[in-house]
Structure formats: structure tokens, C-alpha cells
Amino acid sequence: MEDPELAAIRAARMSQLQQQNAGRGGGQGGEDEGKRVAEEQMRRDLLATVLDHAARERLARIALVSPDRARQIEAILLRMAQSGQLRGRVSEDQLIELLEQADEAQSKSAPKKGAIVFQRRKGGLDDDDFDLGL
């Protein structure tokens, strides 16, 4: 889903950030910071083109409550956009569906916090297991 308009926006923003960074006369630390800012801006621009208004609002509300969860969903959306799996903009209903799928996948892979896991041992107990020191 490499849109020419999106590529032009990206290129313009990258050159703008490079000019700002060069104007600072920054060393290595400035370059790293500029690169991080540029990547963050590109991520936001791409999400703005992929999500419709209602979906962006919902994702912003999710980020307020659970920033890690929002980052996970953003990464999934960006990966889908880069691989061409998205056709058009993602609606709020599609975002909710994606959230549910991610939640199901996460619950299958890891046990819930606070869950009690019982491990049974084979064989019976004998008197040696209960040494009371008498």
C-alpha cells in the first residue's frame, strides 16, 4: 500500500526534520533524537492515512488507558499497511474487531494474571513426606 502521496509526505517531513536537526548543529545525540522524532512522526502520519476519524479517536482513548496496548495495535496496523493487507481506511468497527482478535491471541498464549495453576504429582504420599521433627 505504498501510496505516492504518502511517500511524498514522508519525504517532505524527513527533509524538514533533517533541516531542523542540521540547524541545531547537534552531534550524535541530536541525530538520534532527530531520527526518533522523525520515525514517530512518520508513524503518526501513516496511522492518520490508514485509520478513519472514529478509529483514530478510539485508538487515542485506548492509548490513554493502556499505552502498551495501543502501541501493540498500532504496530499491527502498520505491519498490515506495509504488507498491503489493508484496503482503504480502517473503520472503528474494524478496529474493534482487530482489538478482539489481539485479545484472544494474547489470552491463548499467556495465562491470566492471578490465575491459580495446580500441578499434580504422580504417586501417593507416604510418611516421609510429613516429617514433623517429633
C-alpha atoms as a PDB file:
ATOM      1  CA  MET A   1       0.000   0.000   0.000  1.00  0.00           C
ATOM      2  CA  GLU A   2       2.805   2.383  -0.957  1.00  0.00           C
ATOM      3  CA  ASP A   3       0.774   5.437  -1.872  1.00  0.00           C
ATOM      4  CA  PRO A   4       2.681   8.105  -3.873  1.00  0.00           C
ATOM      5  CA  GLU A   5       1.026  10.874  -1.862  1.00  0.00           C
ATOM      6  CA  LEU A   6       2.097   9.232   1.377  1.00  0.00           C
ATOM      7  CA  ALA A   7       5.650   8.794   0.096  1.00  0.00           C
ATOM      8  CA  ALA A   8       5.779  12.488  -0.822  1.00  0.00           C
ATOM      9  CA  ILE A   9       4.541  13.480   2.639  1.00  0.00           C
ATOM     10  CA  ARG A  10       7.147  11.230   4.219  1.00  0.00           C
ATOM     11  CA  ALA A  11       9.963  12.634   2.113  1.00  0.00           C
ATOM     12  CA  ALA A  12       8.937  16.231   2.837  1.00  0.00           C
ATOM     13  CA  ARG A  13       8.743  15.580   6.561  1.00  0.00           C
ATOM     14  CA  MET A  14      12.104  13.797   6.606  1.00  0.00           C
ATOM     15  CA  SER A  15      13.801  16.703   4.822  1.00  0.00           C
ATOM     16  CA  GLN A  16      12.129  19.164   7.208  1.00  0.00           C
ATOM     17  CA  LEU A  17      13.369  17.234  10.240  1.00  0.00           C
ATOM     18  CA  GLN A  18      16.862  16.925   8.766  1.00  0.00           C
ATOM     19  CA  GLN A  19      16.987  20.683   8.217  1.00  0.00           C
ATOM     20  CA  GLN A  20      15.843  21.310  11.782  1.00  0.00           C
ATOM     21  CA  ASN A  21      18.444  18.884  13.085  1.00  0.00           C
ATOM     22  CA  ALA A  22      21.212  20.461  10.974  1.00  0.00           C
ATOM     23  CA  GLY A  23      20.202  23.904  12.247  1.00  0.00           C
ATOM     24  CA  ARG A  24      20.808  22.767  15.809  1.00  0.00           C
ATOM     25  CA  GLY A  25      24.331  21.741  14.962  1.00  0.00           C
ATOM     26  CA  GLY A  26      23.748  18.668  17.101  1.00  0.00           C
ATOM     27  CA  GLY A  27      26.212  15.862  17.459  1.00  0.00           C
ATOM     28  CA  GLN A  28      25.433  12.175  17.781  1.00  0.00           C
ATOM     29  CA  GLY A  29      22.794  12.697  20.476  1.00  0.00           C
ATOM     30  CA  GLY A  30      20.948  15.208  18.299  1.00  0.00           C
ATOM     31  CA  GLU A  31      20.973  12.815  15.373  1.00  0.00           C
ATOM     32  CA  ASP A  32      19.492  10.027  17.449  1.00  0.00           C
ATOM     33  CA  GLU A  33      16.819  12.332  18.822  1.00  0.00           C
ATOM     34  CA  GLY A  34      16.029  13.664  15.356  1.00  0.00           C
ATOM     35  CA  LYS A  35      15.781  10.158  13.967  1.00  0.00           C
ATOM     36  CA  ARG A  36      13.460   9.119  16.781  1.00  0.00           C
ATOM     37  CA  VAL A  37      11.264  12.172  16.262  1.00  0.00           C
ATOM     38  CA  ALA A  38      11.181  11.538  12.508  1.00  0.00           C
ATOM     39  CA  GLU A  39      10.167   7.904  12.988  1.00  0.00           C
ATOM     40  CA  GLU A  40       7.456   8.889  15.460  1.00  0.00           C
ATOM     41  CA  GLN A  41       6.081  11.496  13.042  1.00  0.00           C
ATOM     42  CA  MET A  42       6.120   9.026  10.145  1.00  0.00           C
ATOM     43  CA  ARG A  43       4.262   6.515  12.307  1.00  0.00           C
ATOM     44  CA  ARG A  44       1.599   9.095  13.176  1.00  0.00           C
ATOM     45  CA  ASP A  45       1.267  10.197   9.543  1.00  0.00           C
ATOM     46  CA  LEU A  46       0.835   6.637   8.354  1.00  0.00           C
ATOM     47  CA  LEU A  47      -1.742   5.898  11.033  1.00  0.00           C
ATOM     48  CA  ALA A  48      -3.622   9.054  10.052  1.00  0.00           C
ATOM     49  CA  THR A  49      -3.854   7.799   6.470  1.00  0.00           C
ATOM     50  CA  VAL A  50      -4.820   4.252   7.476  1.00  0.00           C
ATOM     51  CA  LEU A  51      -7.468   4.991  10.149  1.00  0.00           C
ATOM     52  CA  ASP A  52     -10.699   6.910   9.740  1.00  0.00           C
ATOM     53  CA  HIS A  53     -11.610   9.639  12.227  1.00  0.00           C
ATOM     54  CA  ALA A  54     -13.648   7.469  14.628  1.00  0.00           C
ATOM     55  CA  ALA A  55     -10.994   4.740  14.690  1.00  0.00           C
ATOM     56  CA  ARG A  56      -8.255   7.296  15.432  1.00  0.00           C
ATOM     57  CA  GLU A  57     -10.307   8.667  18.327  1.00  0.00           C
ATOM     58  CA  ARG A  58     -10.854   5.177  19.756  1.00  0.00           C
ATOM     59  CA  LEU A  59      -7.161   4.339  19.463  1.00  0.00           C
ATOM     60  CA  ALA A  60      -6.298   7.614  21.222  1.00  0.00           C
ATOM     61  CA  ARG A  61      -8.665   6.729  24.085  1.00  0.00           C
ATOM     62  CA  ILE A  62      -7.095   3.272  24.321  1.00  0.00           C
ATOM     63  CA  ALA A  63      -3.655   4.914  24.493  1.00  0.00           C
ATOM     64  CA  LEU A  64      -4.782   6.983  27.489  1.00  0.00           C
ATOM     65  CA  VAL A  65      -5.793   3.867  29.407  1.00  0.00           C
ATOM     66  CA  SER A  66      -3.228   1.386  28.127  1.00  0.00           C
ATOM     67  CA  PRO A  67      -0.294   2.831  26.159  1.00  0.00           C
ATOM     68  CA  ASP A  68       1.300  -0.604  25.643  1.00  0.00           C
ATOM     69  CA  ARG A  69      -1.923  -1.985  24.191  1.00  0.00           C
ATOM     70  CA  ALA A  70      -2.238   0.987  21.837  1.00  0.00           C
ATOM     71  CA  ARG A  71       1.370   0.525  20.681  1.00  0.00           C
ATOM     72  CA  GLN A  72       0.674  -3.150  20.005  1.00  0.00           C
ATOM     73  CA  ILE A  73      -2.382  -2.342  17.865  1.00  0.00           C
ATOM     74  CA  GLU A  74      -0.514   0.454  16.059  1.00  0.00           C
ATOM     75  CA  ALA A  75       2.295  -1.961  15.224  1.00  0.00           C
ATOM     76  CA  ILE A  76      -0.207  -4.482  13.852  1.00  0.00           C
ATOM     77  CA  LEU A  77      -1.902  -1.803  11.740  1.00  0.00           C
ATOM     78  CA  LEU A  78       1.404  -0.506  10.381  1.00  0.00           C
ATOM     79  CA  ARG A  79       2.563  -4.022   9.535  1.00  0.00           C
ATOM     80  CA  MET A  80      -0.731  -4.699   7.736  1.00  0.00           C
ATOM     81  CA  ALA A  81      -0.472  -1.416   5.811  1.00  0.00           C
ATOM     82  CA  GLN A  82       3.118  -2.071   4.742  1.00  0.00           C
ATOM     83  CA  SER A  83       2.297  -5.585   3.570  1.00  0.00           C
ATOM     84  CA  GLY A  84      -0.713  -4.381   1.579  1.00  0.00           C
ATOM     85  CA  GLN A  85      -3.336  -6.226   3.619  1.00  0.00           C
ATOM     86  CA  LEU A  86      -5.433  -3.098   4.170  1.00  0.00           C
ATOM     87  CA  ARG A  87      -7.858  -1.944   1.517  1.00  0.00           C
ATOM     88  CA  GLY A  88      -8.967   1.590   2.220  1.00  0.00           C
ATOM     89  CA  ARG A  89      -9.268   3.111   5.651  1.00  0.00           C
ATOM     90  CA  VAL A  90      -9.860   1.095   8.795  1.00  0.00           C
ATOM     91  CA  SER A  91     -13.213   1.910  10.409  1.00  0.00           C
ATOM     92  CA  GLU A  92     -13.960   1.895  14.119  1.00  0.00           C
ATOM     93  CA  ASP A  93     -15.784  -1.437  13.795  1.00  0.00           C
ATOM     94  CA  GLN A  94     -12.782  -2.988  12.055  1.00  0.00           C
ATOM     95  CA  LEU A  95     -10.510  -1.619  14.793  1.00  0.00           C
ATOM     96  CA  ILE A  96     -12.739  -3.181  17.458  1.00  0.00           C
ATOM     97  CA  GLU A  97     -12.575  -6.491  15.600  1.00  0.00           C
ATOM     98  CA  LEU A  98      -8.777  -6.240  15.475  1.00  0.00           C
ATOM     99  CA  LEU A  99      -8.687  -5.496  19.209  1.00  0.00           C
ATOM    100  CA  GLU A 100     -10.803  -8.570  19.935  1.00  0.00           C
ATOM    101  CA  GLN A 101      -8.577 -10.770  17.780  1.00  0.00           C
ATOM    102  CA  ALA A 102      -5.457  -9.483  19.509  1.00  0.00           C
ATOM    103  CA  ASP A 103      -7.070 -10.040  22.900  1.00  0.00           C
ATOM    104  CA  GLU A 104      -7.984 -13.633  22.012  1.00  0.00           C
ATOM    105  CA  ALA A 105      -4.472 -14.343  20.752  1.00  0.00           C
ATOM    106  CA  GLN A 106      -2.946 -12.864  23.904  1.00  0.00           C
ATOM    107  CA  SER A 107      -5.228 -14.806  26.233  1.00  0.00           C
ATOM    108  CA  LYS A 108      -4.394 -18.085  24.484  1.00  0.00           C
ATOM    109  CA  SER A 109      -0.635 -17.524  24.658  1.00  0.00           C
ATOM    110  CA  ALA A 110      -0.294 -16.484  28.309  1.00  0.00           C
ATOM    111  CA  PRO A 111      -2.182 -17.490  31.432  1.00  0.00           C
ATOM    112  CA  LYS A 112      -4.109 -14.720  33.118  1.00  0.00           C
ATOM    113  CA  LYS A 113      -2.521 -12.874  35.975  1.00  0.00           C
ATOM    114  CA  GLY A 114      -3.593 -14.144  39.350  1.00  0.00           C
ATOM    115  CA  ALA A 115      -4.745 -17.480  37.957  1.00  0.00           C
ATOM    116  CA  ILE A 116      -4.094 -20.433  40.206  1.00  0.00           C
ATOM    117  CA  VAL A 117      -2.319 -23.265  38.451  1.00  0.00           C
ATOM    118  CA  PHE A 118      -2.479 -26.662  40.096  1.00  0.00           C
ATOM    119  CA  GLN A 119       0.271 -29.162  39.416  1.00  0.00           C
ATOM    120  CA  ARG A 120      -0.490 -32.706  40.488  1.00  0.00           C
ATOM    121  CA  ARG A 121       2.298 -35.090  41.372  1.00  0.00           C
ATOM    122  CA  LYS A 122       2.129 -38.685  40.358  1.00  0.00           C
ATOM    123  CA  GLY A 123       2.181 -41.224  43.115  1.00  0.00           C
ATOM    124  CA  GLY A 124       0.865 -41.090  46.607  1.00  0.00           C
ATOM    125  CA  LEU A 125       2.170 -39.524  49.749  1.00  0.00           C
ATOM    126  CA  ASP A 126       3.965 -41.577  52.357  1.00  0.00           C
ATOM    127  CA  ASP A 127       5.002 -40.887  55.935  1.00  0.00           C
ATOM    128  CA  ASP A 128       8.389 -39.486  54.860  1.00  0.00           C
ATOM    129  CA  ASP A 129       6.629 -36.534  53.190  1.00  0.00           C
ATOM    130  CA  PHE A 130       5.369 -35.334  56.589  1.00  0.00           C
ATOM    131  CA  ASP A 131       8.472 -35.009  58.739  1.00  0.00           C
ATOM    132  CA  LEU A 132       7.260 -33.111  61.790  1.00  0.00           C
ATOM    133  CA  GLY A 133      10.527 -33.483  63.675  1.00  0.00           C
ATOM    134  CA  LEU A 134       8.965 -35.481  66.516  1.00  0.00           C
END
